[in-house]
Amino acid sequence: MIKKFTRKILFFCIYHREGTKTMHYIINKIEEDGETPRYKIGSNFFESMPALLRHYTTHYLDTTQLLKPVIK
């Protein structure tokens, strides 16, 4: 599940179940002087949210990959 939070800095949070734990990963949306926004999670940058999500379906967030979205 992804939730959008708006404060001074725009960020999103991925809630991801790993075994019996629910993990929270913060994604920062970075906008600089009219440039295309970038999304940062940890030390990785992505050009779009779909690119970030595609990346983590084949790479590990921590101990598992993203498998499918949760429909609410």
Protein backbone atom coordinates (compact mmCIF):
# COMPACT_ATOMS: atom_id res chain seq x y z
CA MET A 1 0.00 0.00 0.00
CA ILE A 2 1.29 3.49 -0.79
CA LYS A 3 0.04 6.55 1.07
CA LYS A 4 0.75 10.15 0.12
CA PHE A 5 1.69 12.60 2.88
CA THR A 6 2.01 16.33 2.29
CA ARG A 7 4.18 18.48 4.56
CA LYS A 8 6.98 20.92 3.80
CA ILE A 9 8.58 18.04 1.90
CA LEU A 10 6.43 15.74 -0.20
CA PHE A 11 6.97 12.09 0.55
CA PHE A 12 5.30 8.74 0.15
CA CYS A 13 5.51 5.60 2.24
CA ILE A 14 5.50 1.98 1.10
CA TYR A 15 4.04 -0.42 3.63
CA HIS A 16 5.44 -3.85 2.85
CA ARG A 17 4.98 -7.13 4.71
CA GLU A 18 8.16 -9.12 5.26
CA GLY A 19 7.29 -12.36 7.02
CA THR A 20 5.24 -11.39 10.08
CA LYS A 21 6.52 -7.78 10.15
CA THR A 22 5.13 -4.77 8.32
CA MET A 23 7.98 -2.60 7.07
CA HIS A 24 7.72 1.10 6.22
CA TYR A 25 9.88 2.64 3.48
CA ILE A 26 9.88 6.40 2.93
CA ILE A 27 10.09 7.72 -0.62
CA ASN A 28 11.04 11.39 -1.02
CA LYS A 29 9.85 13.33 -4.05
CA ILE A 30 12.59 15.76 -4.99
CA GLU A 31 11.81 18.76 -7.19
CA GLU A 32 14.57 21.21 -8.05
CA ASP A 33 14.20 24.46 -10.03
CA GLY A 34 11.81 23.32 -12.74
CA GLU A 35 13.48 19.94 -13.29
CA THR A 36 11.48 16.74 -13.63
CA PRO A 37 10.72 15.39 -10.16
CA ARG A 38 12.81 12.44 -8.96
CA TYR A 39 11.94 9.88 -6.32
CA LYS A 40 14.47 8.80 -3.70
CA ILE A 41 14.31 5.71 -1.51
CA GLY A 42 17.40 5.03 0.58
CA SER A 43 20.33 6.02 -1.62
CA ASN A 44 18.55 5.14 -4.91
CA PHE A 45 16.96 7.70 -7.25
CA PHE A 46 14.24 7.04 -9.85
CA GLU A 47 12.73 9.19 -12.58
CA SER A 48 9.15 8.16 -11.74
CA MET A 49 7.12 6.28 -9.16
CA PRO A 50 6.27 3.51 -11.67
CA ALA A 51 10.03 3.08 -12.36
CA LEU A 52 10.71 2.78 -8.62
CA LEU A 53 7.95 0.20 -8.16
CA ARG A 54 9.10 -1.81 -11.22
CA HIS A 55 12.66 -1.83 -9.85
CA TYR A 56 11.58 -3.30 -6.51
CA THR A 57 9.59 -6.10 -8.15
CA THR A 58 12.95 -7.57 -9.26
CA HIS A 59 15.25 -6.22 -6.51
CA TYR A 60 15.02 -6.54 -2.74
CA LEU A 61 13.71 -3.73 -0.54
CA ASP A 62 15.22 -5.36 2.52
CA THR A 63 14.65 -9.10 2.57
CA THR A 64 11.89 -9.49 -0.06
CA GLN A 65 10.63 -7.98 -3.31
CA LEU A 66 7.37 -6.20 -4.01
CA LEU A 67 4.89 -8.70 -5.39
CA LYS A 68 1.54 -7.00 -5.98
CA PRO A 69 -0.41 -3.94 -4.88
CA VAL A 70 -2.99 -4.11 -2.13
CA ILE A 71 -6.42 -3.01 -3.26
CA LYS A 72 -8.32 -0.91 -0.73
